[in-house]
Amino acid sequence: MSAAGGRSNGLALLVLPSALLFTLFFFLPIGLMAVMSLLTGNPVVMPHVAFTTRHYARIVNDTYYLEVIWTTIRIGLVTTLVALAIGYPLAHWMARIRSRAGHAALLMAVLAPMLTGIVVRTFAWMTLLSDKGVINQTLISLGLVTQPLKLMYNETGIVIGLVHIYVPFMVLTLTGVIGRIDERLEQAAENLGASPFRAFIEVTLPLSLPGILAGSLLVFALSISAYVTPILLGGFQIMTLPILIYQQISANFNVGFAAALGMLLLALSLALVLAYNRALGLVSGQQELQ
């Protein structure tokens, strides 16, 4: 009994620092933001404040804010789908390559962009996508277009920048999952008469669904919360929730409304996590039945 109690106390002492840090840097800020979203004003500068739901009512009753929410979700969805389309073949190649040197080279190619700051990479895309950028000037000089293509200050430019930034997260997530799938399952399907494509569709793809879901969850959550890339490549022409939150703080110092928008962004991410857990449970149940 005393030995078990000593081990429990030792474990509690080990967990205590992590629990304290988690409380200070996660629960406390989110709790304060939730409280601020329900107050009529900033209690630091206003002596008398009361609880209210007017900030959330303002979001629901104004079509402008609903459009901003939909724009944020749409950019996140498109970014996730494009990142999956690019990342899955690369992840499959990395997981199946037999050469250690080749695998290391591919891994470095995926990780190399992450060694450069997001601001630097976004400015690099601005030099490529602008009206007088490398892409448009090349197309015009080749006679393929007569007018510059609108690649910036729209959702297209934002998605291009976000895909470049977040596709490594998709690749790394998928590589670990695909690497754990036994190649002999594909070989067995081919020995039974299936083509390589059919073996991939009916064997590898279903078994890699947990990685697809996890990578999509990560990329979508990062995309809807991105600020630097949308504001630089969108030029305030495309409004997303993070940019709107920044405007409410910097221009109006409307802390309560900004906190309500932040809680809405958090709710979207939590809803996505719950949907992911639900989908993962369904996928696991189907695989067990099979």
C-alpha atoms as a PDB file:
ATOM      1  CA  MET A   1       0.000   0.000   0.000  1.00  0.00           C
ATOM      2  CA  SER A   2       2.778   2.427   0.940  1.00  0.00           C
ATOM      3  CA  ALA A   3       4.752   1.552  -2.200  1.00  0.00           C
ATOM      4  CA  ALA A   4       1.688   2.116  -4.380  1.00  0.00           C
ATOM      5  CA  GLY A   5       1.024   5.422  -2.631  1.00  0.00           C
ATOM      6  CA  GLY A   6       4.627   6.489  -3.163  1.00  0.00           C
ATOM      7  CA  ARG A   7       4.426   5.707  -6.872  1.00  0.00           C
ATOM      8  CA  SER A   8       1.165   7.679  -7.154  1.00  0.00           C
ATOM      9  CA  ASN A   9       2.712  10.674  -5.398  1.00  0.00           C
ATOM     10  CA  GLY A  10       5.772  10.490  -7.634  1.00  0.00           C
ATOM     11  CA  LEU A  11       3.604  10.333 -10.734  1.00  0.00           C
ATOM     12  CA  ALA A  12       1.572  13.303  -9.508  1.00  0.00           C
ATOM     13  CA  LEU A  13       4.744  15.325  -9.011  1.00  0.00           C
ATOM     14  CA  LEU A  14       5.851  14.506 -12.554  1.00  0.00           C
ATOM     15  CA  VAL A  15       2.485  15.452 -14.047  1.00  0.00           C
ATOM     16  CA  LEU A  16       2.057  18.620 -11.965  1.00  0.00           C
ATOM     17  CA  PRO A  17       4.407  20.896 -14.001  1.00  0.00           C
ATOM     18  CA  SER A  18       2.767  19.880 -17.274  1.00  0.00           C
ATOM     19  CA  ALA A  19      -0.704  20.350 -15.810  1.00  0.00           C
ATOM     20  CA  LEU A  20       0.274  23.781 -14.491  1.00  0.00           C
ATOM     21  CA  LEU A  21       1.678  24.900 -17.844  1.00  0.00           C
ATOM     22  CA  PHE A  22      -1.384  23.540 -19.648  1.00  0.00           C
ATOM     23  CA  THR A  23      -3.664  25.443 -17.289  1.00  0.00           C
ATOM     24  CA  LEU A  24      -1.743  28.716 -17.571  1.00  0.00           C
ATOM     25  CA  PHE A  25      -1.278  28.710 -21.341  1.00  0.00           C
ATOM     26  CA  PHE A  26      -4.456  26.942 -22.493  1.00  0.00           C
ATOM     27  CA  PHE A  27      -7.373  26.883 -20.072  1.00  0.00           C
ATOM     28  CA  LEU A  28      -6.772  30.317 -18.543  1.00  0.00           C
ATOM     29  CA  PRO A  29      -6.487  32.273 -21.844  1.00  0.00           C
ATOM     30  CA  ILE A  30      -9.466  30.482 -23.379  1.00  0.00           C
ATOM     31  CA  GLY A  31     -11.470  30.941 -20.193  1.00  0.00           C
ATOM     32  CA  LEU A  32     -10.708  34.672 -20.158  1.00  0.00           C
ATOM     33  CA  MET A  33     -11.638  34.952 -23.828  1.00  0.00           C
ATOM     34  CA  ALA A  34     -14.932  33.152 -23.185  1.00  0.00           C
ATOM     35  CA  VAL A  35     -15.747  35.515 -20.310  1.00  0.00           C
ATOM     36  CA  MET A  36     -14.816  38.608 -22.337  1.00  0.00           C
ATOM     37  CA  SER A  37     -17.123  37.486 -25.141  1.00  0.00           C
ATOM     38  CA  LEU A  38     -20.054  37.615 -22.702  1.00  0.00           C
ATOM     39  CA  LEU A  39     -19.340  41.049 -21.192  1.00  0.00           C
ATOM     40  CA  THR A  40     -20.754  44.402 -22.312  1.00  0.00           C
ATOM     41  CA  GLY A  41     -17.334  46.026 -22.163  1.00  0.00           C
ATOM     42  CA  ASN A  42     -13.722  45.760 -21.077  1.00  0.00           C
ATOM     43  CA  PRO A  43     -13.677  45.403 -17.261  1.00  0.00           C
ATOM     44  CA  VAL A  44     -10.155  46.841 -17.141  1.00  0.00           C
ATOM     45  CA  VAL A  45     -11.257  50.295 -18.341  1.00  0.00           C
ATOM     46  CA  MET A  46     -14.986  50.165 -17.555  1.00  0.00           C
ATOM     47  CA  PRO A  47     -16.040  49.989 -13.887  1.00  0.00           C
ATOM     48  CA  HIS A  48     -19.511  48.594 -14.572  1.00  0.00           C
ATOM     49  CA  VAL A  49     -19.979  45.703 -16.973  1.00  0.00           C
ATOM     50  CA  ALA A  50     -22.686  43.100 -17.288  1.00  0.00           C
ATOM     51  CA  PHE A  51     -23.118  39.774 -18.992  1.00  0.00           C
ATOM     52  CA  THR A  52     -24.673  39.810 -22.457  1.00  0.00           C
ATOM     53  CA  THR A  53     -25.032  37.707 -25.584  1.00  0.00           C
ATOM     54  CA  ARG A  54     -25.213  40.667 -27.959  1.00  0.00           C
ATOM     55  CA  HIS A  55     -21.815  39.913 -29.521  1.00  0.00           C
ATOM     56  CA  TYR A  56     -22.960  36.474 -30.653  1.00  0.00           C
ATOM     57  CA  ALA A  57     -26.324  37.885 -31.758  1.00  0.00           C
ATOM     58  CA  ARG A  58     -24.462  40.452 -33.851  1.00  0.00           C
ATOM     59  CA  ILE A  59     -22.584  37.660 -35.647  1.00  0.00           C
ATOM     60  CA  VAL A  60     -25.730  35.639 -36.331  1.00  0.00           C
ATOM     61  CA  ASN A  61     -27.907  38.560 -37.434  1.00  0.00           C
ATOM     62  CA  ASP A  62     -25.416  40.217 -39.801  1.00  0.00           C
ATOM     63  CA  THR A  63     -24.961  38.551 -43.176  1.00  0.00           C
ATOM     64  CA  TYR A  64     -21.521  40.153 -43.543  1.00  0.00           C
ATOM     65  CA  TYR A  65     -20.090  38.153 -40.659  1.00  0.00           C
ATOM     66  CA  LEU A  66     -21.786  34.982 -41.888  1.00  0.00           C
ATOM     67  CA  GLU A  67     -20.129  35.551 -45.267  1.00  0.00           C
ATOM     68  CA  VAL A  68     -16.747  35.982 -43.551  1.00  0.00           C
ATOM     69  CA  ILE A  69     -17.289  32.695 -41.706  1.00  0.00           C
ATOM     70  CA  TRP A  70     -18.183  30.903 -44.936  1.00  0.00           C
ATOM     71  CA  THR A  71     -15.184  32.415 -46.739  1.00  0.00           C
ATOM     72  CA  THR A  72     -12.892  31.182 -43.960  1.00  0.00           C
ATOM     73  CA  ILE A  73     -14.369  27.679 -44.108  1.00  0.00           C
ATOM     74  CA  ARG A  74     -14.255  27.614 -47.918  1.00  0.00           C
ATOM     75  CA  ILE A  75     -10.579  28.596 -48.023  1.00  0.00           C
ATOM     76  CA  GLY A  76      -9.825  25.939 -45.407  1.00  0.00           C
ATOM     77  CA  LEU A  77     -11.682  23.241 -47.344  1.00  0.00           C
ATOM     78  CA  VAL A  78     -10.070  24.070 -50.692  1.00  0.00           C
ATOM     79  CA  THR A  79      -6.621  24.259 -49.096  1.00  0.00           C
ATOM     80  CA  THR A  80      -7.153  20.885 -47.435  1.00  0.00           C
ATOM     81  CA  LEU A  81      -8.323  19.183 -50.639  1.00  0.00           C
ATOM     82  CA  VAL A  82      -5.442  20.572 -52.706  1.00  0.00           C
ATOM     83  CA  ALA A  83      -2.910  19.674 -50.006  1.00  0.00           C
ATOM     84  CA  LEU A  84      -4.335  16.130 -49.907  1.00  0.00           C
ATOM     85  CA  ALA A  85      -4.191  15.791 -53.695  1.00  0.00           C
ATOM     86  CA  ILE A  86      -0.551  16.897 -53.714  1.00  0.00           C
ATOM     87  CA  GLY A  87       0.533  15.284 -50.472  1.00  0.00           C
ATOM     88  CA  TYR A  88      -0.908  11.769 -50.817  1.00  0.00           C
ATOM     89  CA  PRO A  89       1.124  10.675 -53.887  1.00  0.00           C
ATOM     90  CA  LEU A  90       4.279  12.153 -52.371  1.00  0.00           C
ATOM     91  CA  ALA A  91       3.614  10.487 -49.016  1.00  0.00           C
ATOM     92  CA  HIS A  92       2.941   7.140 -50.726  1.00  0.00           C
ATOM     93  CA  TRP A  93       6.200   7.465 -52.637  1.00  0.00           C
ATOM     94  CA  MET A  94       8.131   8.307 -49.465  1.00  0.00           C
ATOM     95  CA  ALA A  95       6.583   5.411 -47.557  1.00  0.00           C
ATOM     96  CA  ARG A  96       7.299   2.857 -50.289  1.00  0.00           C
ATOM     97  CA  ILE A  97      10.752   3.962 -51.457  1.00  0.00           C
ATOM     98  CA  ARG A  98      13.355   1.360 -50.564  1.00  0.00           C
ATOM     99  CA  SER A  99      16.469   3.496 -50.773  1.00  0.00           C
ATOM    100  CA  ARG A 100      17.395   5.161 -47.505  1.00  0.00           C
ATOM    101  CA  ALA A 101      19.209   7.894 -49.374  1.00  0.00           C
ATOM    102  CA  GLY A 102      16.157   8.502 -51.542  1.00  0.00           C
ATOM    103  CA  HIS A 103      13.869   8.596 -48.524  1.00  0.00           C
ATOM    104  CA  ALA A 104      16.186  11.035 -46.757  1.00  0.00           C
ATOM    105  CA  ALA A 105      16.329  13.247 -49.862  1.00  0.00           C
ATOM    106  CA  LEU A 106      12.531  13.331 -50.156  1.00  0.00           C
ATOM    107  CA  LEU A 107      12.184  14.030 -46.454  1.00  0.00           C
ATOM    108  CA  MET A 108      14.607  16.953 -46.674  1.00  0.00           C
ATOM    109  CA  ALA A 109      12.734  18.276 -49.722  1.00  0.00           C
ATOM    110  CA  VAL A 110       9.499  18.248 -47.726  1.00  0.00           C
ATOM    111  CA  LEU A 111      11.022  19.757 -44.592  1.00  0.00           C
ATOM    112  CA  ALA A 112      13.205  22.371 -46.317  1.00  0.00           C
ATOM    113  CA  PRO A 113      10.398  24.938 -46.822  1.00  0.00           C
ATOM    114  CA  MET A 114       9.529  24.684 -43.130  1.00  0.00           C
ATOM    115  CA  LEU A 115      13.002  25.980 -42.252  1.00  0.00           C
ATOM    116  CA  THR A 116      12.042  29.376 -43.713  1.00  0.00           C
ATOM    117  CA  GLY A 117       9.628  31.697 -41.940  1.00  0.00           C
ATOM    118  CA  ILE A 118       6.039  32.007 -43.118  1.00  0.00           C
ATOM    119  CA  VAL A 119       6.451  35.724 -43.804  1.00  0.00           C
ATOM    120  CA  VAL A 120       9.462  35.122 -46.052  1.00  0.00           C
ATOM    121  CA  ARG A 121       7.676  32.369 -47.985  1.00  0.00           C
ATOM    122  CA  THR A 122       4.579  34.526 -48.401  1.00  0.00           C
ATOM    123  CA  PHE A 123       6.635  37.444 -49.744  1.00  0.00           C
ATOM    124  CA  ALA A 124       8.290  35.013 -52.155  1.00  0.00           C
ATOM    125  CA  TRP A 125       4.868  34.017 -53.461  1.00  0.00           C
ATOM    126  CA  MET A 126       3.986  37.691 -53.843  1.00  0.00           C
ATOM    127  CA  THR A 127       6.947  38.138 -56.203  1.00  0.00           C
ATOM    128  CA  LEU A 128       5.709  35.157 -58.205  1.00  0.00           C
ATOM    129  CA  LEU A 129       1.964  35.880 -58.294  1.00  0.00           C
ATOM    130  CA  SER A 130       1.771  39.675 -58.623  1.00  0.00           C
ATOM    131  CA  ASP A 131       0.720  41.340 -61.886  1.00  0.00           C
ATOM    132  CA  LYS A 132       4.367  42.078 -62.655  1.00  0.00           C
ATOM    133  CA  GLY A 133       5.628  38.921 -61.017  1.00  0.00           C
ATOM    134  CA  VAL A 134       7.635  36.091 -62.484  1.00  0.00           C
ATOM    135  CA  ILE A 135       4.658  33.978 -63.586  1.00  0.00           C
ATOM    136  CA  ASN A 136       2.744  36.745 -65.366  1.00  0.00           C
ATOM    137  CA  GLN A 137       5.810  38.238 -66.984  1.00  0.00           C
ATOM    138  CA  THR A 138       6.853  34.818 -68.279  1.00  0.00           C
ATOM    139  CA  LEU A 139       3.396  34.091 -69.701  1.00  0.00           C
ATOM    140  CA  ILE A 140       3.232  37.509 -71.374  1.00  0.00           C
ATOM    141  CA  SER A 141       6.728  37.191 -72.850  1.00  0.00           C
ATOM    142  CA  LEU A 142       5.801  33.780 -74.300  1.00  0.00           C
ATOM    143  CA  GLY A 143       2.651  35.245 -75.803  1.00  0.00           C
ATOM    144  CA  LEU A 144       0.366  32.896 -73.878  1.00  0.00           C
ATOM    145  CA  VAL A 145      -1.605  35.758 -72.305  1.00  0.00           C
ATOM    146  CA  THR A 146      -2.032  39.427 -73.167  1.00  0.00           C
ATOM    147  CA  GLN A 147      -3.130  40.621 -69.721  1.00  0.00           C
ATOM    148  CA  PRO A 148      -1.716  39.595 -66.346  1.00  0.00           C
ATOM    149  CA  LEU A 149      -3.628  36.816 -64.645  1.00  0.00           C
ATOM    150  CA  LYS A 150      -5.315  37.741 -61.369  1.00  0.00           C
ATOM    151  CA  LEU A 151      -3.317  35.487 -59.071  1.00  0.00           C
ATOM    152  CA  MET A 152      -3.187  37.796 -56.056  1.00  0.00           C
ATOM    153  CA  TYR A 153      -5.671  39.642 -53.879  1.00  0.00           C
ATOM    154  CA  ASN A 154      -8.166  36.820 -54.274  1.00  0.00           C
ATOM    155  CA  GLU A 155      -8.829  33.381 -52.833  1.00  0.00           C
ATOM    156  CA  THR A 156      -6.666  31.715 -55.472  1.00  0.00           C
ATOM    157  CA  GLY A 157      -3.504  33.409 -54.243  1.00  0.00           C
ATOM    158  CA  ILE A 158      -4.364  32.705 -50.610  1.00  0.00           C
ATOM    159  CA  VAL A 159      -4.953  29.003 -51.304  1.00  0.00           C
ATOM    160  CA  ILE A 160      -1.675  28.721 -53.235  1.00  0.00           C
ATOM    161  CA  GLY A 161       0.263  30.248 -50.347  1.00  0.00           C
ATOM    162  CA  LEU A 162      -1.494  28.153 -47.696  1.00  0.00           C
ATOM    163  CA  VAL A 163      -1.008  24.908 -49.631  1.00  0.00           C
ATOM    164  CA  HIS A 164       2.712  25.574 -49.937  1.00  0.00           C
ATOM    165  CA  ILE A 165       2.955  26.236 -46.202  1.00  0.00           C
ATOM    166  CA  TYR A 166       0.822  23.368 -44.918  1.00  0.00           C
ATOM    167  CA  VAL A 167       1.309  20.525 -47.418  1.00  0.00           C
ATOM    168  CA  PRO A 168       4.345  19.242 -45.439  1.00  0.00           C
ATOM    169  CA  PHE A 169       2.044  18.585 -42.466  1.00  0.00           C
ATOM    170  CA  MET A 170      -0.180  16.481 -44.706  1.00  0.00           C
ATOM    171  CA  VAL A 171       2.780  14.579 -46.170  1.00  0.00           C
ATOM    172  CA  LEU A 172       4.396  13.806 -42.823  1.00  0.00           C
ATOM    173  CA  THR A 173       1.095  12.630 -41.321  1.00  0.00           C
ATOM    174  CA  LEU A 174       0.288  10.369 -44.265  1.00  0.00           C
ATOM    175  CA  THR A 175       3.813   8.961 -44.571  1.00  0.00           C
ATOM    176  CA  GLY A 176       3.708   7.512 -41.062  1.00  0.00           C
ATOM    177  CA  VAL A 177       0.319   5.862 -41.641  1.00  0.00           C
ATOM    178  CA  ILE A 178       1.061   4.500 -45.124  1.00  0.00           C
ATOM    179  CA  GLY A 179       4.452   3.223 -43.942  1.00  0.00           C
ATOM    180  CA  ARG A 180       2.697   0.982 -41.407  1.00  0.00           C
ATOM    181  CA  ILE A 181       0.537  -0.678 -44.083  1.00  0.00           C
ATOM    182  CA  ASP A 182       1.982  -4.059 -45.012  1.00  0.00           C
ATOM    183  CA  GLU A 183       2.980  -4.083 -48.691  1.00  0.00           C
ATOM    184  CA  ARG A 184       2.189  -7.802 -48.826  1.00  0.00           C
ATOM    185  CA  LEU A 185      -1.518  -6.924 -48.678  1.00  0.00           C
ATOM    186  CA  GLU A 186      -1.216  -5.108 -52.002  1.00  0.00           C
ATOM    187  CA  GLN A 187       0.833  -7.957 -53.438  1.00  0.00           C
ATOM    188  CA  ALA A 188      -1.770 -10.485 -52.316  1.00  0.00           C
ATOM    189  CA  ALA A 189      -4.528  -8.486 -54.011  1.00  0.00           C
ATOM    190  CA  GLU A 190      -2.508  -8.349 -57.237  1.00  0.00           C
ATOM    191  CA  ASN A 191      -1.825 -12.105 -57.044  1.00  0.00           C
ATOM    192  CA  LEU A 192      -5.598 -12.633 -56.842  1.00  0.00           C
ATOM    193  CA  GLY A 193      -6.061 -10.801 -60.130  1.00  0.00           C
ATOM    194  CA  ALA A 194      -6.468  -7.182 -59.097  1.00  0.00           C
ATOM    195  CA  SER A 195      -4.679  -4.491 -61.061  1.00  0.00           C
ATOM    196  CA  PRO A 196      -2.211  -2.254 -59.168  1.00  0.00           C
ATOM    197  CA  PHE A 197      -4.736   0.593 -59.291  1.00  0.00           C
ATOM    198  CA  ARG A 198      -7.567  -1.573 -57.959  1.00  0.00           C
ATOM    199  CA  ALA A 199      -5.297  -2.985 -55.250  1.00  0.00           C
ATOM    200  CA  PHE A 200      -4.509   0.570 -54.197  1.00  0.00           C
ATOM    201  CA  ILE A 201      -8.186   1.640 -54.206  1.00  0.00           C
ATOM    202  CA  GLU A 202      -9.462  -1.393 -52.299  1.00  0.00           C
ATOM    203  CA  VAL A 203      -6.538  -2.068 -49.964  1.00  0.00           C
ATOM    204  CA  THR A 204      -4.140   0.816 -49.403  1.00  0.00           C
ATOM    205  CA  LEU A 205      -6.581   3.700 -49.603  1.00  0.00           C
ATOM    206  CA  PRO A 206      -9.071   2.354 -47.021  1.00  0.00           C
ATOM    207  CA  LEU A 207      -6.255   1.441 -44.621  1.00  0.00           C
ATOM    208  CA  SER A 208      -4.781   4.942 -44.964  1.00  0.00           C
ATOM    209  CA  LEU A 209      -8.056   6.719 -44.113  1.00  0.00           C
ATOM    210  CA  PRO A 210      -6.956   7.465 -40.514  1.00  0.00           C
ATOM    211  CA  GLY A 211      -3.940   9.322 -41.910  1.00  0.00           C
ATOM    212  CA  ILE A 212      -6.101  11.156 -44.453  1.00  0.00           C
ATOM    213  CA  LEU A 213      -8.467  12.260 -41.702  1.00  0.00           C
ATOM    214  CA  ALA A 214      -5.663  13.295 -39.357  1.00  0.00           C
ATOM    215  CA  GLY A 215      -3.774  15.217 -42.031  1.00  0.00           C
ATOM    216  CA  SER A 216      -6.951  16.913 -43.250  1.00  0.00           C
ATOM    217  CA  LEU A 217      -7.860  17.883 -39.692  1.00  0.00           C
ATOM    218  CA  LEU A 218      -4.450  19.428 -39.116  1.00  0.00           C
ATOM    219  CA  VAL A 219      -4.313  21.334 -42.409  1.00  0.00           C
ATOM    220  CA  PHE A 220      -7.893  22.610 -42.127  1.00  0.00           C
ATOM    221  CA  ALA A 221      -7.442  23.816 -38.552  1.00  0.00           C
ATOM    222  CA  LEU A 222      -4.216  25.626 -39.467  1.00  0.00           C
ATOM    223  CA  SER A 223      -5.731  27.120 -42.625  1.00  0.00           C
ATOM    224  CA  ILE A 224      -8.797  28.665 -40.985  1.00  0.00           C
ATOM    225  CA  SER A 225      -6.630  30.194 -38.256  1.00  0.00           C
ATOM    226  CA  ALA A 226      -3.932  31.558 -40.606  1.00  0.00           C
ATOM    227  CA  TYR A 227      -3.388  35.320 -40.553  1.00  0.00           C
ATOM    228  CA  VAL A 228      -0.128  36.346 -42.262  1.00  0.00           C
ATOM    229  CA  THR A 229      -0.669  34.598 -45.596  1.00  0.00           C
ATOM    230  CA  PRO A 230      -4.320  35.681 -46.117  1.00  0.00           C
ATOM    231  CA  ILE A 231      -3.573  39.302 -45.234  1.00  0.00           C
ATOM    232  CA  LEU A 232      -0.508  39.549 -47.525  1.00  0.00           C
ATOM    233  CA  LEU A 233      -1.795  37.561 -50.505  1.00  0.00           C
ATOM    234  CA  GLY A 234      -5.356  38.758 -50.024  1.00  0.00           C
ATOM    235  CA  GLY A 235      -4.501  42.401 -49.400  1.00  0.00           C
ATOM    236  CA  PHE A 236      -7.602  42.941 -47.220  1.00  0.00           C
ATOM    237  CA  GLN A 237      -9.695  42.124 -50.312  1.00  0.00           C
ATOM    238  CA  ILE A 238     -10.567  38.729 -48.836  1.00  0.00           C
ATOM    239  CA  MET A 239     -11.798  38.878 -45.256  1.00  0.00           C
ATOM    240  CA  THR A 240     -11.334  35.865 -42.973  1.00  0.00           C
ATOM    241  CA  LEU A 241     -12.035  35.393 -39.279  1.00  0.00           C
ATOM    242  CA  PRO A 242      -8.414  35.947 -38.085  1.00  0.00           C
ATOM    243  CA  ILE A 243      -8.174  39.191 -40.096  1.00  0.00           C
ATOM    244  CA  LEU A 244     -11.556  40.342 -38.787  1.00  0.00           C
ATOM    245  CA  ILE A 245     -10.469  39.645 -35.217  1.00  0.00           C
ATOM    246  CA  TYR A 246      -7.322  41.696 -35.773  1.00  0.00           C
ATOM    247  CA  GLN A 247      -9.362  44.589 -37.153  1.00  0.00           C
ATOM    248  CA  GLN A 248     -11.727  44.571 -34.192  1.00  0.00           C
ATOM    249  CA  ILE A 249      -8.786  44.830 -31.799  1.00  0.00           C
ATOM    250  CA  SER A 250      -6.507  47.230 -33.701  1.00  0.00           C
ATOM    251  CA  ALA A 251      -9.087  49.610 -35.164  1.00  0.00           C
ATOM    252  CA  ASN A 252     -12.032  49.543 -32.754  1.00  0.00           C
ATOM    253  CA  PHE A 253     -10.547  47.897 -29.661  1.00  0.00           C
ATOM    254  CA  ASN A 254     -13.811  45.968 -29.416  1.00  0.00           C
ATOM    255  CA  VAL A 255     -12.463  43.254 -27.167  1.00  0.00           C
ATOM    256  CA  GLY A 256     -15.815  41.610 -26.481  1.00  0.00           C
ATOM    257  CA  PHE A 257     -16.759  41.191 -30.118  1.00  0.00           C
ATOM    258  CA  ALA A 258     -13.234  40.046 -31.030  1.00  0.00           C
ATOM    259  CA  ALA A 259     -13.426  37.476 -28.219  1.00  0.00           C
ATOM    260  CA  ALA A 260     -16.777  36.233 -29.565  1.00  0.00           C
ATOM    261  CA  LEU A 261     -15.224  35.813 -33.020  1.00  0.00           C
ATOM    262  CA  GLY A 262     -12.297  33.981 -31.431  1.00  0.00           C
ATOM    263  CA  MET A 263     -14.655  31.632 -29.595  1.00  0.00           C
ATOM    264  CA  LEU A 264     -16.454  30.983 -32.865  1.00  0.00           C
ATOM    265  CA  LEU A 265     -13.146  30.069 -34.524  1.00  0.00           C
ATOM    266  CA  LEU A 266     -12.367  27.772 -31.594  1.00  0.00           C
ATOM    267  CA  ALA A 267     -15.824  26.192 -31.876  1.00  0.00           C
ATOM    268  CA  LEU A 268     -15.204  25.434 -35.551  1.00  0.00           C
ATOM    269  CA  SER A 269     -11.925  23.704 -34.680  1.00  0.00           C
ATOM    270  CA  LEU A 270     -13.512  21.715 -31.838  1.00  0.00           C
ATOM    271  CA  ALA A 271     -16.397  20.664 -34.068  1.00  0.00           C
ATOM    272  CA  LEU A 272     -13.856  19.431 -36.594  1.00  0.00           C
ATOM    273  CA  VAL A 273     -12.017  17.438 -33.917  1.00  0.00           C
ATOM    274  CA  LEU A 274     -15.279  15.815 -32.784  1.00  0.00           C
ATOM    275  CA  ALA A 275     -16.174  14.967 -36.374  1.00  0.00           C
ATOM    276  CA  TYR A 276     -12.687  13.491 -36.850  1.00  0.00           C
ATOM    277  CA  ASN A 277     -13.033  11.293 -33.762  1.00  0.00           C
ATOM    278  CA  ARG A 278     -16.455  10.163 -34.952  1.00  0.00           C
ATOM    279  CA  ALA A 279     -15.216   9.384 -38.457  1.00  0.00           C
ATOM    280  CA  LEU A 280     -12.152   7.601 -37.105  1.00  0.00           C
ATOM    281  CA  GLY A 281     -14.383   5.434 -34.905  1.00  0.00           C
ATOM    282  CA  LEU A 282     -16.536   4.509 -37.905  1.00  0.00           C
ATOM    283  CA  VAL A 283     -13.471   3.688 -40.016  1.00  0.00           C
ATOM    284  CA  SER A 284     -11.994   1.537 -37.250  1.00  0.00           C
ATOM    285  CA  GLY A 285     -15.304  -0.293 -36.808  1.00  0.00           C
ATOM    286  CA  GLN A 286     -15.561  -1.048 -40.537  1.00  0.00           C
ATOM    287  CA  GLN A 287     -11.981  -2.307 -40.663  1.00  0.00           C
ATOM    288  CA  GLU A 288     -12.634  -4.624 -37.712  1.00  0.00           C
ATOM    289  CA  LEU A 289     -15.720  -5.996 -39.450  1.00  0.00           C
ATOM    290  CA  GLN A 290     -13.687  -6.641 -42.576  1.00  0.00           C
END
